Amino acid sequence: MDKFKEETVKVPFGTKHLDAALCFPSSVTDVHTAVILTHGAGGDMNFKHLVSLAHALASDGFLCLRFTCKGLNLGYRVKAYRAVLDYLKSQQKFAIKHIFVGGRSMGCRAAAALARQLSDESEDAVQGVICLSFPLHPPGQKHVHQQRSEDLRGLPEHMSVLCVSGTEDNMCDRVLFEGMVKEMKAQVEVFWLKGGSHGLTVKGRPEESVLEEVNLQVISWMNKQAA
């Protein structure tokens, strides 16, 4: 018997709809914690890493809602993210008490921006942010790292943040990133995937092995937050 179920859904967004997938444990009676995930500038919600993580989270007792938003404007992506959050909160089938937002690359920039906005409105709107391959700067343009990291550095002390990045990520200089983390007020954990690229692939390692390592890090962190 599968440990999880998945349903495709349409999330209202203005006059349009966003494609999304709701993944949840087969026994849905006691699901209290949800994770929302979205993709980077390219791809969609079916990006293999997001699907794998969503299934792993649902198998471990969490609800995971991942969605597609093709816009490359960060403000537009944040508005779409808020629509997905509102949709999740409207689902009476689940008694969700805690919500975490995240994504990969541009998707986690949007998640961090939304979490910062929401923290200004309500202290308990979301509990934390999951950043997969945070794009601290474009390749070869390290000078923009302060602007890119503004929302992460602006997150409040009560917020929890997990960052998963590759040591060979050409959009996340490790020295600059670790310096940024020291400036953050939020409670941050960072996992460096040895040899990992911006796409969290490792030369010479099977993709499934890397996916499993990343998923275990995220689930371990989520279980600590839910404890």
Protein backbone atom coordinates (compact mmCIF):
# COMPACT_ATOMS: atom_id res chain seq x y z
CA MET A 1 0.00 0.00 0.00
CA ASP A 2 1.33 3.44 -0.92
CA LYS A 3 2.27 5.66 1.99
CA PHE A 4 0.86 8.72 0.25
CA LYS A 5 -1.74 9.92 -2.21
CA GLU A 6 -1.45 12.69 -4.78
CA GLU A 7 -4.14 14.84 -6.37
CA THR A 8 -3.71 17.44 -9.10
CA VAL A 9 -5.55 20.66 -8.31
CA LYS A 10 -6.17 24.09 -9.82
CA VAL A 11 -5.40 27.05 -7.55
CA PRO A 12 -7.38 30.25 -8.29
CA PHE A 13 -5.06 33.16 -9.12
CA GLY A 14 -6.84 36.29 -10.30
CA THR A 15 -8.60 35.40 -13.55
CA LYS A 16 -6.31 32.38 -14.03
CA HIS A 17 -5.47 29.14 -12.28
CA LEU A 18 -2.14 27.72 -11.16
CA ASP A 19 -1.41 24.04 -11.73
CA ALA A 20 -0.62 22.31 -8.45
CA ALA A 21 -0.31 18.88 -6.88
CA LEU A 22 -1.43 18.01 -3.36
CA CYS A 23 0.52 15.13 -1.86
CA PHE A 24 -0.50 13.77 1.53
CA PRO A 25 -0.17 10.67 3.74
CA SER A 26 -2.62 7.87 3.01
CA SER A 27 -3.95 8.23 6.56
CA VAL A 28 -4.98 11.91 6.53
CA THR A 29 -6.62 12.13 9.92
CA ASP A 30 -3.65 13.56 11.79
CA VAL A 31 -1.80 15.75 9.28
CA HIS A 32 -1.07 19.06 10.99
CA THR A 33 2.01 20.32 9.15
CA ALA A 34 2.21 21.34 5.49
CA VAL A 35 5.02 22.32 3.14
CA ILE A 36 4.51 24.39 -0.02
CA LEU A 37 7.17 24.06 -2.73
CA THR A 38 7.75 25.64 -6.13
CA HIS A 39 10.35 25.45 -8.87
CA GLY A 40 13.07 27.75 -10.13
CA ALA A 41 13.14 30.08 -13.13
CA GLY A 42 13.01 27.12 -15.49
CA GLY A 43 10.91 23.98 -15.31
CA ASP A 44 7.71 23.44 -13.39
CA MET A 45 6.28 21.59 -10.39
CA ASN A 46 7.24 18.27 -12.02
CA PHE A 47 10.96 18.99 -11.62
CA LYS A 48 12.30 15.65 -10.37
CA HIS A 49 13.81 17.00 -7.14
CA LEU A 50 10.51 18.63 -6.11
CA VAL A 51 8.46 15.52 -6.90
CA SER A 52 10.89 13.30 -5.00
CA LEU A 53 10.89 15.60 -1.97
CA ALA A 54 7.09 15.96 -1.99
CA HIS A 55 6.66 12.18 -2.01
CA ALA A 56 9.25 11.75 0.75
CA LEU A 57 7.56 14.38 2.92
CA ALA A 58 4.11 12.86 2.44
CA SER A 59 5.48 9.39 3.20
CA ASP A 60 6.80 10.79 6.47
CA GLY A 61 3.50 12.30 7.59
CA PHE A 62 3.56 15.80 6.09
CA LEU A 63 1.27 17.36 3.52
CA CYS A 64 3.10 18.86 0.52
CA LEU A 65 1.56 21.20 -2.03
CA ARG A 66 3.78 22.02 -4.99
CA PHE A 67 2.81 24.38 -7.78
CA THR A 68 3.85 25.83 -11.12
CA CYS A 69 4.28 29.54 -11.75
CA LYS A 70 6.10 30.44 -14.96
CA GLY A 71 6.55 34.16 -14.26
CA LEU A 72 10.14 35.39 -14.00
CA ASN A 73 9.21 38.56 -12.10
CA LEU A 74 9.82 38.01 -8.38
CA GLY A 75 6.88 40.18 -7.31
CA TYR A 76 4.55 38.16 -9.56
CA ARG A 77 5.89 34.91 -8.14
CA VAL A 78 5.30 36.13 -4.58
CA LYS A 79 1.68 37.01 -5.40
CA ALA A 80 1.19 33.55 -6.88
CA TYR A 81 2.75 31.99 -3.80
CA ARG A 82 0.34 33.89 -1.55
CA ALA A 83 -2.60 32.61 -3.62
CA VAL A 84 -1.39 29.04 -3.11
CA LEU A 85 -0.99 29.64 0.62
CA ASP A 86 -4.54 31.00 0.82
CA TYR A 87 -5.80 27.98 -1.12
CA LEU A 88 -4.09 25.59 1.29
CA LYS A 89 -5.56 27.37 4.30
CA SER A 90 -9.05 27.02 2.76
CA GLN A 91 -8.82 23.22 2.57
CA GLN A 92 -11.05 21.97 5.38
CA LYS A 93 -10.16 18.34 4.69
CA PHE A 94 -6.94 18.86 6.66
CA ALA A 95 -6.44 20.39 10.10
CA ILE A 96 -3.26 22.25 9.16
CA LYS A 97 -1.69 24.13 12.06
CA HIS A 98 1.84 24.74 10.79
CA ILE A 99 2.94 25.80 7.30
CA PHE A 100 6.42 25.93 5.82
CA VAL A 101 7.19 27.56 2.48
CA GLY A 102 10.07 26.78 0.16
CA GLY A 103 11.31 25.90 -3.25
CA ARG A 104 14.41 25.70 -5.36
CA SER A 105 16.42 28.60 -6.77
CA MET A 106 14.06 31.47 -7.70
CA GLY A 107 11.26 29.54 -6.02
CA CYS A 108 12.94 29.81 -2.62
CA ARG A 109 13.62 33.51 -3.21
CA ALA A 110 9.85 33.93 -3.64
CA ALA A 111 9.21 31.82 -0.53
CA ALA A 112 11.60 33.93 1.55
CA ALA A 113 10.03 37.16 0.27
CA LEU A 114 6.53 35.89 1.12
CA ALA A 115 7.62 34.72 4.57
CA ARG A 116 9.09 38.13 5.27
CA GLN A 117 5.91 39.89 4.12
CA LEU A 118 3.71 37.61 6.20
CA SER A 119 5.88 37.98 9.30
CA ASP A 120 5.20 41.71 9.17
CA GLU A 121 1.46 40.95 9.23
CA SER A 122 1.28 38.02 11.67
CA GLU A 123 3.90 36.28 13.77
CA ASP A 124 2.59 32.77 13.11
CA ALA A 125 1.55 32.93 9.44
CA VAL A 126 4.32 30.52 8.41
CA GLN A 127 6.78 28.69 10.62
CA GLY A 128 9.77 28.39 8.34
CA VAL A 129 11.43 28.48 4.94
CA ILE A 130 13.18 25.71 2.98
CA CYS A 131 15.75 26.99 0.47
CA LEU A 132 17.05 24.50 -2.09
CA SER A 133 19.94 26.06 -4.05
CA PHE A 134 19.35 29.65 -3.01
CA PRO A 135 20.53 31.80 -5.96
CA LEU A 136 22.69 34.27 -4.05
CA HIS A 137 23.99 35.80 -7.28
CA PRO A 138 23.98 35.14 -11.04
CA PRO A 139 27.07 33.25 -12.27
CA GLY A 140 30.06 35.57 -12.15
CA GLN A 141 28.10 38.46 -10.60
CA LYS A 142 28.83 38.16 -6.90
CA HIS A 143 28.34 41.89 -6.35
CA VAL A 144 24.53 41.52 -6.26
CA HIS A 145 24.50 39.15 -3.28
CA GLN A 146 23.33 41.79 -0.80
CA GLN A 147 20.22 42.57 -2.86
CA ARG A 148 19.46 38.89 -3.49
CA SER A 149 19.71 38.00 0.19
CA GLU A 150 17.70 40.93 1.57
CA ASP A 151 14.56 38.92 2.33
CA LEU A 152 16.46 36.10 4.04
CA ARG A 153 18.34 38.59 6.20
CA GLY A 154 15.04 40.32 6.98
CA LEU A 155 13.33 37.22 8.40
CA PRO A 156 12.53 37.52 12.14
CA GLU A 157 14.14 35.64 15.02
CA HIS A 158 11.22 33.24 15.50
CA MET A 159 11.46 31.98 11.90
CA SER A 160 13.29 28.72 11.11
CA VAL A 161 15.23 28.38 7.87
CA LEU A 162 16.88 25.39 6.18
CA CYS A 163 19.30 26.02 3.32
CA VAL A 164 20.52 23.17 1.11
CA SER A 165 23.22 24.18 -1.38
CA GLY A 166 25.93 22.48 -3.38
CA THR A 167 29.58 23.25 -2.72
CA GLU A 168 30.08 23.69 -6.50
CA ASP A 169 27.03 25.93 -7.04
CA ASN A 170 28.11 28.74 -9.38
CA MET A 171 25.22 30.88 -8.12
CA CYS A 172 26.04 30.58 -4.43
CA ASP A 173 29.58 31.41 -3.42
CA ARG A 174 30.11 29.58 -0.14
CA VAL A 175 32.14 32.30 1.59
CA LEU A 176 29.58 34.98 0.69
CA PHE A 177 26.69 32.72 1.69
CA GLU A 178 28.16 31.85 5.07
CA GLY A 179 28.79 35.55 5.66
CA MET A 180 25.15 36.27 4.86
CA VAL A 181 23.99 33.55 7.26
CA LYS A 182 25.90 35.24 10.08
CA GLU A 183 23.87 38.40 9.41
CA MET A 184 20.53 36.59 9.60
CA LYS A 185 18.28 36.97 12.65
CA ALA A 186 16.31 33.80 11.90
CA GLN A 187 17.28 30.34 13.19
CA VAL A 188 19.27 28.90 10.27
CA GLU A 189 20.63 25.48 9.44
CA VAL A 190 22.78 25.01 6.33
CA PHE A 191 23.55 21.71 4.63
CA TRP A 192 26.28 21.73 1.99
CA LEU A 193 25.98 18.95 -0.57
CA LYS A 194 29.57 17.96 -1.37
CA GLY A 195 30.27 18.46 -5.06
CA GLY A 196 26.71 19.62 -5.69
CA SER A 197 25.88 21.95 -8.58
CA HIS A 198 23.13 24.57 -8.65
CA GLY A 199 20.83 21.78 -9.84
CA LEU A 200 21.94 19.68 -6.83
CA THR A 201 23.57 17.09 -9.06
CA VAL A 202 26.95 15.60 -8.18
CA LYS A 203 29.34 14.45 -10.87
CA GLY A 204 29.95 10.72 -10.54
CA ARG A 205 27.05 10.08 -8.16
CA PRO A 206 23.74 8.47 -9.14
CA GLU A 207 20.87 10.98 -9.09
CA GLU A 208 18.75 8.80 -6.82
CA SER A 209 21.51 8.73 -4.22
CA VAL A 210 21.73 12.52 -4.19
CA LEU A 211 17.94 12.90 -4.04
CA GLU A 212 17.79 10.56 -1.06
CA GLU A 213 20.52 12.50 0.79
CA VAL A 214 18.79 15.83 0.24
CA ASN A 215 15.37 14.44 1.16
CA LEU A 216 16.73 12.97 4.41
CA GLN A 217 18.20 16.34 5.38
CA VAL A 218 14.90 18.13 4.77
CA ILE A 219 12.80 15.51 6.57
CA SER A 220 15.17 15.43 9.54
CA TRP A 221 14.92 19.21 9.81
CA MET A 222 11.12 19.14 9.45
CA ASN A 223 10.81 16.54 12.19
CA LYS A 224 12.85 18.76 14.51
CA GLN A 225 10.54 21.69 13.74
CA ALA A 226 7.44 19.58 14.36
CA ALA A 227 8.73 18.14 17.65
